[in-house]
Amino acid sequence: MAFVVRCEDVEPLSGHQATRSWLSHDWLKHQVLHDVHAMRRALLDTQHDHSLPDALVALPLWIEEVRKFAGELIPAFSPRQLVSYGPLSGLPNEIQALVASALDDAYLALNVTQPIAQRIAESVAALESVGTTLRAGWGRQTGNDLLAVQTDEFERVARDIHDALASLPEGVVVP
């Protein structure tokens, strides 16, 4: 059994929550998913200019950001932070270390964030793969049917990342 402590004052977590919001809202919702619709329209329009959509232009930079986020995800939600930044921060260093270690061990045993981090990592790899294929094929005069299928897969994987981000706890997970 675990509960979540919302911690706006815990700087590492508040920064991670801001990044999650930025990735989910600004990148996935407003750029990638918005551009998918424009990409589909372009594939149907024989007169489109064949320029690479913004979501595909910026994809390598965003992929790097999501990978960094996923790599920091598990420790970001650890209750260990409550010892360093919360009311327990006044304890002697030796006691802080013991409490932080015990909290972290119990948190990791709950296995709450690990599957989400894994899901994000796998989805990002899939998004990168299909995005690379789309980038290579975009703008050619042939293969629009294949590009349409890849665009659908691009959207599906982007939605999976969006859903995984939404499934993260809203604060520090305390066992």
Foldseek 3Di string as FASTA:
>chain_A
DKDFDFPCQLVLLVVLLVLLCCCLPVQLPPALVVVLVVLLVQLVDLPDPLDDGPNLVCLVVSLVSLLVSLVCPLVSQFCLSCCCRNPVVPPPPVVSVVVSVVSSVVSVVVVQCVVLSVQSNVLSVQLVVLSVVLVVPTSDSDDSVVNNVSSVSNSVSSVSNSVSSVSDDNHHMTD
